[in-house]
Amino acid sequence: MRIVLVGPPGAGKGTQAAYLARNLSIPHISTGDLFRANISQGTELGRQAKAYMDAGELVPDEVTIGMAKGRMEQPDATGGFLLDGFPRNVSQAEALDAMLKSEGMTLDAVLDLEVPEDEVVKRIAGRRICRNDSSHVFHVTYSPPKQEGLCDICGGDLYQRDDDTEETVRKRLEVYHTQTEPIIDYYRGQGLVVTISALGKVTDVTERAMEALKKSTQHAKD
């Protein structure tokens, strides 16, 4: 299956992408991983991306598209893939369509994780990170530490990242609504969008997504 995963910040895309890719036996291709891999390997695209990032500028679409194309051409992606963070706008979606068409392929589905805006703010603004180890993550509501402000694992101080404040989250949502959300309408016009609620337990959302994808692809075959 060839799937694009979309949804606002805080929808749990990274978590769901990992579960779905494993269940479907296809690679999870995330924009973040692409950038890190290309930069660490010193590829031409990686050097270009780093130059823009170091200058505080947005990486142009053609660089991101080039990275995605290179990854999708790897042997493990020939049977399908799950794209997370790409395409990020309609121009990138059109480029993806052109890439696939040139290989005689199309997308099978676009999975839209739907989360109310207030829930997104609550999820992200409530995160607290350990200063000693950023992999130790807590949440003031959903997974609070036993002792307020201290990490259960190592006792380090917990803090809120600058980009996790409510003001920053709402700005990120504005960018999502302006730049990324239009691709949902773009793909809806192709009959590819499958929308599910991303509320509830992670496993429940995964089951919901798998069932929705199964029905969608079955309907397409019929």
C-alpha atoms as a PDB file:
ATOM      1  CA  MET A   1       0.000   0.000   0.000  1.00  0.00           C
ATOM      2  CA  ARG A   2       1.066   3.565  -0.692  1.00  0.00           C
ATOM      3  CA  ILE A   3      -0.319   5.851   1.988  1.00  0.00           C
ATOM      4  CA  VAL A   4       0.007   9.507   2.960  1.00  0.00           C
ATOM      5  CA  LEU A   5      -0.638  10.331   6.621  1.00  0.00           C
ATOM      6  CA  VAL A   6      -1.933  13.810   7.454  1.00  0.00           C
ATOM      7  CA  GLY A   7      -3.185  15.569  10.560  1.00  0.00           C
ATOM      8  CA  PRO A   8      -2.485  18.585  12.739  1.00  0.00           C
ATOM      9  CA  PRO A   9       0.443  18.844  15.151  1.00  0.00           C
ATOM     10  CA  GLY A  10      -0.314  16.733  18.214  1.00  0.00           C
ATOM     11  CA  ALA A  11      -2.485  14.247  16.324  1.00  0.00           C
ATOM     12  CA  GLY A  12      -0.022  11.442  17.032  1.00  0.00           C
ATOM     13  CA  LYS A  13       1.107  11.003  13.421  1.00  0.00           C
ATOM     14  CA  GLY A  14       4.577   9.726  14.293  1.00  0.00           C
ATOM     15  CA  THR A  15       3.244   7.141  16.736  1.00  0.00           C
ATOM     16  CA  GLN A  16       0.492   5.952  14.408  1.00  0.00           C
ATOM     17  CA  ALA A  17       2.838   5.900  11.421  1.00  0.00           C
ATOM     18  CA  ALA A  18       5.186   3.518  13.228  1.00  0.00           C
ATOM     19  CA  TYR A  19       2.355   1.161  14.251  1.00  0.00           C
ATOM     20  CA  LEU A  20       0.645   1.220  10.850  1.00  0.00           C
ATOM     21  CA  ALA A  21       3.867   0.712   8.903  1.00  0.00           C
ATOM     22  CA  ARG A  22       4.691  -2.308  11.046  1.00  0.00           C
ATOM     23  CA  ASN A  23       1.186  -3.765  10.678  1.00  0.00           C
ATOM     24  CA  LEU A  24       1.231  -3.223   6.912  1.00  0.00           C
ATOM     25  CA  SER A  25       4.874  -4.322   6.461  1.00  0.00           C
ATOM     26  CA  ILE A  26       5.842  -1.143   4.617  1.00  0.00           C
ATOM     27  CA  PRO A  27       8.514   1.453   5.464  1.00  0.00           C
ATOM     28  CA  HIS A  28       7.603   4.553   7.451  1.00  0.00           C
ATOM     29  CA  ILE A  29       9.086   7.526   5.589  1.00  0.00           C
ATOM     30  CA  SER A  30       9.096  10.716   7.663  1.00  0.00           C
ATOM     31  CA  THR A  31      10.322  14.125   6.586  1.00  0.00           C
ATOM     32  CA  GLY A  32      12.286  14.518   9.806  1.00  0.00           C
ATOM     33  CA  ASP A  33      14.150  11.246   9.244  1.00  0.00           C
ATOM     34  CA  LEU A  34      14.850  12.194   5.612  1.00  0.00           C
ATOM     35  CA  PHE A  35      16.412  15.498   6.628  1.00  0.00           C
ATOM     36  CA  ARG A  36      18.495  13.967   9.414  1.00  0.00           C
ATOM     37  CA  ALA A  37      19.730  11.125   7.183  1.00  0.00           C
ATOM     38  CA  ASN A  38      20.663  13.380   4.261  1.00  0.00           C
ATOM     39  CA  ILE A  39      22.400  15.916   6.483  1.00  0.00           C
ATOM     40  CA  SER A  40      24.329  13.294   8.483  1.00  0.00           C
ATOM     41  CA  GLN A  41      25.376  11.487   5.279  1.00  0.00           C
ATOM     42  CA  GLY A  42      26.477  14.753   3.674  1.00  0.00           C
ATOM     43  CA  THR A  43      24.431  14.243   0.503  1.00  0.00           C
ATOM     44  CA  GLU A  44      24.088  17.139  -1.942  1.00  0.00           C
ATOM     45  CA  LEU A  45      20.439  17.577  -0.911  1.00  0.00           C
ATOM     46  CA  GLY A  46      21.460  17.365   2.727  1.00  0.00           C
ATOM     47  CA  ARG A  47      24.047  20.120   2.284  1.00  0.00           C
ATOM     48  CA  GLN A  48      21.488  22.298   0.530  1.00  0.00           C
ATOM     49  CA  ALA A  49      18.915  21.738   3.270  1.00  0.00           C
ATOM     50  CA  LYS A  50      21.442  22.470   6.027  1.00  0.00           C
ATOM     51  CA  ALA A  51      22.455  25.727   4.377  1.00  0.00           C
ATOM     52  CA  TYR A  52      18.852  26.936   4.356  1.00  0.00           C
ATOM     53  CA  MET A  53      18.223  25.723   7.901  1.00  0.00           C
ATOM     54  CA  ASP A  54      21.399  27.342   9.241  1.00  0.00           C
ATOM     55  CA  ALA A  55      20.279  30.611   7.668  1.00  0.00           C
ATOM     56  CA  GLY A  56      16.901  30.297   9.384  1.00  0.00           C
ATOM     57  CA  GLU A  57      15.125  29.901   6.050  1.00  0.00           C
ATOM     58  CA  LEU A  58      12.538  27.372   4.888  1.00  0.00           C
ATOM     59  CA  VAL A  59      13.917  24.489   2.861  1.00  0.00           C
ATOM     60  CA  PRO A  60      12.566  24.817  -0.718  1.00  0.00           C
ATOM     61  CA  ASP A  61      10.032  22.276  -1.969  1.00  0.00           C
ATOM     62  CA  GLU A  62      12.406  20.933  -4.609  1.00  0.00           C
ATOM     63  CA  VAL A  63      14.932  19.861  -1.952  1.00  0.00           C
ATOM     64  CA  THR A  64      12.302  18.081   0.137  1.00  0.00           C
ATOM     65  CA  ILE A  65      10.803  16.488  -2.978  1.00  0.00           C
ATOM     66  CA  GLY A  66      14.240  15.272  -4.073  1.00  0.00           C
ATOM     67  CA  MET A  67      14.859  13.633  -0.708  1.00  0.00           C
ATOM     68  CA  ALA A  68      11.449  11.951  -0.741  1.00  0.00           C
ATOM     69  CA  LYS A  69      11.972  10.703  -4.302  1.00  0.00           C
ATOM     70  CA  GLY A  70      15.337   9.201  -3.424  1.00  0.00           C
ATOM     71  CA  ARG A  71      13.882   7.393  -0.413  1.00  0.00           C
ATOM     72  CA  MET A  72      10.864   6.041  -2.284  1.00  0.00           C
ATOM     73  CA  GLU A  73      13.212   4.574  -4.896  1.00  0.00           C
ATOM     74  CA  GLN A  74      14.929   2.382  -2.280  1.00  0.00           C
ATOM     75  CA  PRO A  75      14.276  -1.388  -2.612  1.00  0.00           C
ATOM     76  CA  ASP A  76      12.272  -1.653   0.622  1.00  0.00           C
ATOM     77  CA  ALA A  77       9.723   0.866  -0.701  1.00  0.00           C
ATOM     78  CA  THR A  78       8.936  -0.896  -3.981  1.00  0.00           C
ATOM     79  CA  GLY A  79       5.966  -2.691  -2.400  1.00  0.00           C
ATOM     80  CA  GLY A  80       4.570   0.419  -0.744  1.00  0.00           C
ATOM     81  CA  PHE A  81       5.283   3.046   1.890  1.00  0.00           C
ATOM     82  CA  LEU A  82       3.703   5.312   4.456  1.00  0.00           C
ATOM     83  CA  LEU A  83       4.589   8.995   4.074  1.00  0.00           C
ATOM     84  CA  ASP A  84       4.571  11.109   7.242  1.00  0.00           C
ATOM     85  CA  GLY A  85       5.183  14.858   6.863  1.00  0.00           C
ATOM     86  CA  PHE A  86       5.304  14.741   3.066  1.00  0.00           C
ATOM     87  CA  PRO A  87       3.617  16.162   1.100  1.00  0.00           C
ATOM     88  CA  ARG A  88       3.268  19.289   3.250  1.00  0.00           C
ATOM     89  CA  ASN A  89       1.506  21.474   0.687  1.00  0.00           C
ATOM     90  CA  VAL A  90      -0.398  21.177  -2.591  1.00  0.00           C
ATOM     91  CA  SER A  91       2.725  21.790  -4.714  1.00  0.00           C
ATOM     92  CA  GLN A  92       4.444  18.839  -3.035  1.00  0.00           C
ATOM     93  CA  ALA A  93       1.286  16.733  -3.463  1.00  0.00           C
ATOM     94  CA  GLU A  94       1.256  17.487  -7.187  1.00  0.00           C
ATOM     95  CA  ALA A  95       4.955  16.587  -7.416  1.00  0.00           C
ATOM     96  CA  LEU A  96       4.286  13.291  -5.613  1.00  0.00           C
ATOM     97  CA  ASP A  97       1.477  12.470  -8.039  1.00  0.00           C
ATOM     98  CA  ALA A  98       3.797  13.166 -10.969  1.00  0.00           C
ATOM     99  CA  MET A  99       6.539  10.975  -9.471  1.00  0.00           C
ATOM    100  CA  LEU A 100       4.192   8.056  -8.952  1.00  0.00           C
ATOM    101  CA  LYS A 101       2.560   8.462 -12.360  1.00  0.00           C
ATOM    102  CA  SER A 102       5.973   8.307 -14.050  1.00  0.00           C
ATOM    103  CA  GLU A 103       6.397   4.856 -12.469  1.00  0.00           C
ATOM    104  CA  GLY A 104       2.862   3.745 -13.337  1.00  0.00           C
ATOM    105  CA  MET A 105       1.735   3.978  -9.713  1.00  0.00           C
ATOM    106  CA  THR A 106      -0.823   5.875  -7.634  1.00  0.00           C
ATOM    107  CA  LEU A 107      -1.556   6.407  -3.957  1.00  0.00           C
ATOM    108  CA  ASP A 108      -3.945   3.956  -2.316  1.00  0.00           C
ATOM    109  CA  ALA A 109      -5.180   6.209   0.475  1.00  0.00           C
ATOM    110  CA  VAL A 110      -4.657   9.439   2.390  1.00  0.00           C
ATOM    111  CA  LEU A 111      -5.311   8.858   6.089  1.00  0.00           C
ATOM    112  CA  ASP A 112      -6.509  12.016   7.833  1.00  0.00           C
ATOM    113  CA  LEU A 113      -6.162  11.950  11.639  1.00  0.00           C
ATOM    114  CA  GLU A 114      -8.818  14.264  13.008  1.00  0.00           C
ATOM    115  CA  VAL A 115      -8.368  15.950  16.399  1.00  0.00           C
ATOM    116  CA  PRO A 116     -10.266  18.970  17.800  1.00  0.00           C
ATOM    117  CA  GLU A 117      -8.054  22.058  18.039  1.00  0.00           C
ATOM    118  CA  ASP A 118      -8.503  22.442  21.795  1.00  0.00           C
ATOM    119  CA  GLU A 119      -7.362  18.844  22.278  1.00  0.00           C
ATOM    120  CA  VAL A 120      -4.255  19.514  20.174  1.00  0.00           C
ATOM    121  CA  VAL A 121      -3.385  22.478  22.408  1.00  0.00           C
ATOM    122  CA  LYS A 122      -4.027  20.407  25.538  1.00  0.00           C
ATOM    123  CA  ARG A 123      -1.855  17.540  24.305  1.00  0.00           C
ATOM    124  CA  ILE A 124       1.140  19.643  23.306  1.00  0.00           C
ATOM    125  CA  ALA A 125       1.014  22.427  25.908  1.00  0.00           C
ATOM    126  CA  GLY A 126       0.759  19.841  28.677  1.00  0.00           C
ATOM    127  CA  ARG A 127       4.005  18.053  27.738  1.00  0.00           C
ATOM    128  CA  ARG A 128       6.918  18.188  30.160  1.00  0.00           C
ATOM    129  CA  ILE A 129      10.431  17.016  29.221  1.00  0.00           C
ATOM    130  CA  CYS A 130      13.246  15.850  31.489  1.00  0.00           C
ATOM    131  CA  ARG A 131      16.319  18.107  31.322  1.00  0.00           C
ATOM    132  CA  ASN A 132      18.597  15.091  31.842  1.00  0.00           C
ATOM    133  CA  ASP A 133      17.081  12.921  29.109  1.00  0.00           C
ATOM    134  CA  SER A 134      14.655  14.249  26.499  1.00  0.00           C
ATOM    135  CA  SER A 135      13.264  10.734  25.952  1.00  0.00           C
ATOM    136  CA  HIS A 136      11.659  10.969  29.398  1.00  0.00           C
ATOM    137  CA  VAL A 137       8.369  12.685  28.560  1.00  0.00           C
ATOM    138  CA  PHE A 138       5.418  13.338  30.871  1.00  0.00           C
ATOM    139  CA  HIS A 139       2.085  15.123  30.588  1.00  0.00           C
ATOM    140  CA  VAL A 140       0.400  17.207  33.252  1.00  0.00           C
ATOM    141  CA  THR A 141      -2.960  15.517  32.539  1.00  0.00           C
ATOM    142  CA  TYR A 142      -2.397  12.201  30.768  1.00  0.00           C
ATOM    143  CA  SER A 143       0.824  10.952  32.377  1.00  0.00           C
ATOM    144  CA  PRO A 144       1.794  13.236  35.287  1.00  0.00           C
ATOM    145  CA  PRO A 145       4.972  12.556  37.265  1.00  0.00           C
ATOM    146  CA  LYS A 146       4.604  11.178  40.777  1.00  0.00           C
ATOM    147  CA  GLN A 147       6.222  14.338  42.133  1.00  0.00           C
ATOM    148  CA  GLU A 148       5.371  17.556  40.339  1.00  0.00           C
ATOM    149  CA  GLY A 149       8.280  18.967  38.333  1.00  0.00           C
ATOM    150  CA  LEU A 150      10.535  15.918  38.740  1.00  0.00           C
ATOM    151  CA  CYS A 151      11.207  12.997  36.409  1.00  0.00           C
ATOM    152  CA  ASP A 152      10.034   9.621  37.769  1.00  0.00           C
ATOM    153  CA  ILE A 153      12.922   7.846  36.042  1.00  0.00           C
ATOM    154  CA  CYS A 154      16.008   9.865  36.984  1.00  0.00           C
ATOM    155  CA  GLY A 155      14.790  12.675  39.242  1.00  0.00           C
ATOM    156  CA  GLY A 156      15.740  15.380  36.752  1.00  0.00           C
ATOM    157  CA  ASP A 157      13.868  18.665  36.458  1.00  0.00           C
ATOM    158  CA  LEU A 158      10.922  18.705  34.069  1.00  0.00           C
ATOM    159  CA  TYR A 159      10.367  21.688  31.803  1.00  0.00           C
ATOM    160  CA  GLN A 160       8.092  22.898  29.021  1.00  0.00           C
ATOM    161  CA  ARG A 161       9.790  23.425  25.661  1.00  0.00           C
ATOM    162  CA  ASP A 162       9.457  26.874  24.108  1.00  0.00           C
ATOM    163  CA  ASP A 163       7.628  25.436  21.107  1.00  0.00           C
ATOM    164  CA  ASP A 164       5.135  23.640  23.372  1.00  0.00           C
ATOM    165  CA  THR A 165       3.505  26.774  24.801  1.00  0.00           C
ATOM    166  CA  GLU A 166      -0.143  27.407  23.938  1.00  0.00           C
ATOM    167  CA  GLU A 167       0.729  30.508  21.917  1.00  0.00           C
ATOM    168  CA  THR A 168       3.292  28.629  19.814  1.00  0.00           C
ATOM    169  CA  VAL A 169       0.981  25.654  19.326  1.00  0.00           C
ATOM    170  CA  ARG A 170      -1.802  27.891  18.024  1.00  0.00           C
ATOM    171  CA  LYS A 171       0.659  29.499  15.580  1.00  0.00           C
ATOM    172  CA  ARG A 172       1.687  26.044  14.375  1.00  0.00           C
ATOM    173  CA  LEU A 173      -1.978  25.201  13.884  1.00  0.00           C
ATOM    174  CA  GLU A 174      -2.425  28.345  11.780  1.00  0.00           C
ATOM    175  CA  VAL A 175       0.453  27.223   9.543  1.00  0.00           C
ATOM    176  CA  TYR A 176      -1.112  23.762   9.289  1.00  0.00           C
ATOM    177  CA  HIS A 177      -4.511  25.187   8.310  1.00  0.00           C
ATOM    178  CA  THR A 178      -2.936  27.489   5.723  1.00  0.00           C
ATOM    179  CA  GLN A 179      -0.303  25.232   4.156  1.00  0.00           C
ATOM    180  CA  THR A 180      -1.061  21.584   4.822  1.00  0.00           C
ATOM    181  CA  GLU A 181      -4.820  21.255   5.285  1.00  0.00           C
ATOM    182  CA  PRO A 182      -5.511  22.192   1.630  1.00  0.00           C
ATOM    183  CA  ILE A 183      -3.933  18.897   0.530  1.00  0.00           C
ATOM    184  CA  ILE A 184      -6.874  17.105   2.159  1.00  0.00           C
ATOM    185  CA  ASP A 185      -9.258  18.808  -0.271  1.00  0.00           C
ATOM    186  CA  TYR A 186      -6.791  18.127  -3.087  1.00  0.00           C
ATOM    187  CA  TYR A 187      -6.798  14.399  -2.355  1.00  0.00           C
ATOM    188  CA  ARG A 188     -10.503  14.328  -1.531  1.00  0.00           C
ATOM    189  CA  GLY A 189     -11.057  15.332  -5.133  1.00  0.00           C
ATOM    190  CA  GLN A 190      -9.293  12.079  -6.085  1.00  0.00           C
ATOM    191  CA  GLY A 191     -11.449  10.053  -3.704  1.00  0.00           C
ATOM    192  CA  LEU A 192      -8.452   9.058  -1.584  1.00  0.00           C
ATOM    193  CA  VAL A 193      -9.162  10.625   1.818  1.00  0.00           C
ATOM    194  CA  VAL A 194     -10.055   8.411   4.774  1.00  0.00           C
ATOM    195  CA  THR A 195     -10.795  10.456   7.909  1.00  0.00           C
ATOM    196  CA  ILE A 196     -10.765   8.906  11.383  1.00  0.00           C
ATOM    197  CA  SER A 197     -10.870  10.256  14.914  1.00  0.00           C
ATOM    198  CA  ALA A 198      -7.436  10.260  16.572  1.00  0.00           C
ATOM    199  CA  LEU A 199      -8.945  10.480  20.053  1.00  0.00           C
ATOM    200  CA  GLY A 200      -8.577   7.638  22.535  1.00  0.00           C
ATOM    201  CA  LYS A 201      -5.921   5.029  23.237  1.00  0.00           C
ATOM    202  CA  VAL A 202      -3.091   4.648  20.733  1.00  0.00           C
ATOM    203  CA  THR A 203      -4.041   1.021  20.047  1.00  0.00           C
ATOM    204  CA  ASP A 204      -7.689   1.966  19.491  1.00  0.00           C
ATOM    205  CA  VAL A 205      -6.700   4.641  16.957  1.00  0.00           C
ATOM    206  CA  THR A 206      -4.469   2.123  15.157  1.00  0.00           C
ATOM    207  CA  GLU A 207      -7.280  -0.431  14.960  1.00  0.00           C
ATOM    208  CA  ARG A 208      -9.639   2.276  13.709  1.00  0.00           C
ATOM    209  CA  ALA A 209      -7.128   3.290  11.045  1.00  0.00           C
ATOM    210  CA  MET A 210      -6.456  -0.270   9.893  1.00  0.00           C
ATOM    211  CA  GLU A 211     -10.163  -0.971   9.550  1.00  0.00           C
ATOM    212  CA  ALA A 212     -10.775   2.285   7.659  1.00  0.00           C
ATOM    213  CA  LEU A 213      -7.876   1.591   5.272  1.00  0.00           C
ATOM    214  CA  LYS A 214      -9.127  -1.955   4.687  1.00  0.00           C
ATOM    215  CA  LYS A 215     -12.619  -0.708   3.814  1.00  0.00           C
ATOM    216  CA  SER A 216     -11.218   2.068   1.620  1.00  0.00           C
ATOM    217  CA  THR A 217      -8.983  -0.173  -0.448  1.00  0.00           C
ATOM    218  CA  GLN A 218     -11.679  -2.841  -0.724  1.00  0.00           C
ATOM    219  CA  HIS A 219     -14.147  -0.220  -1.972  1.00  0.00           C
ATOM    220  CA  ALA A 220     -11.593   0.976  -4.526  1.00  0.00           C
ATOM    221  CA  LYS A 221     -11.199  -2.593  -5.840  1.00  0.00           C
ATOM    222  CA  ASP A 222     -14.978  -3.006  -6.108  1.00  0.00           C
END
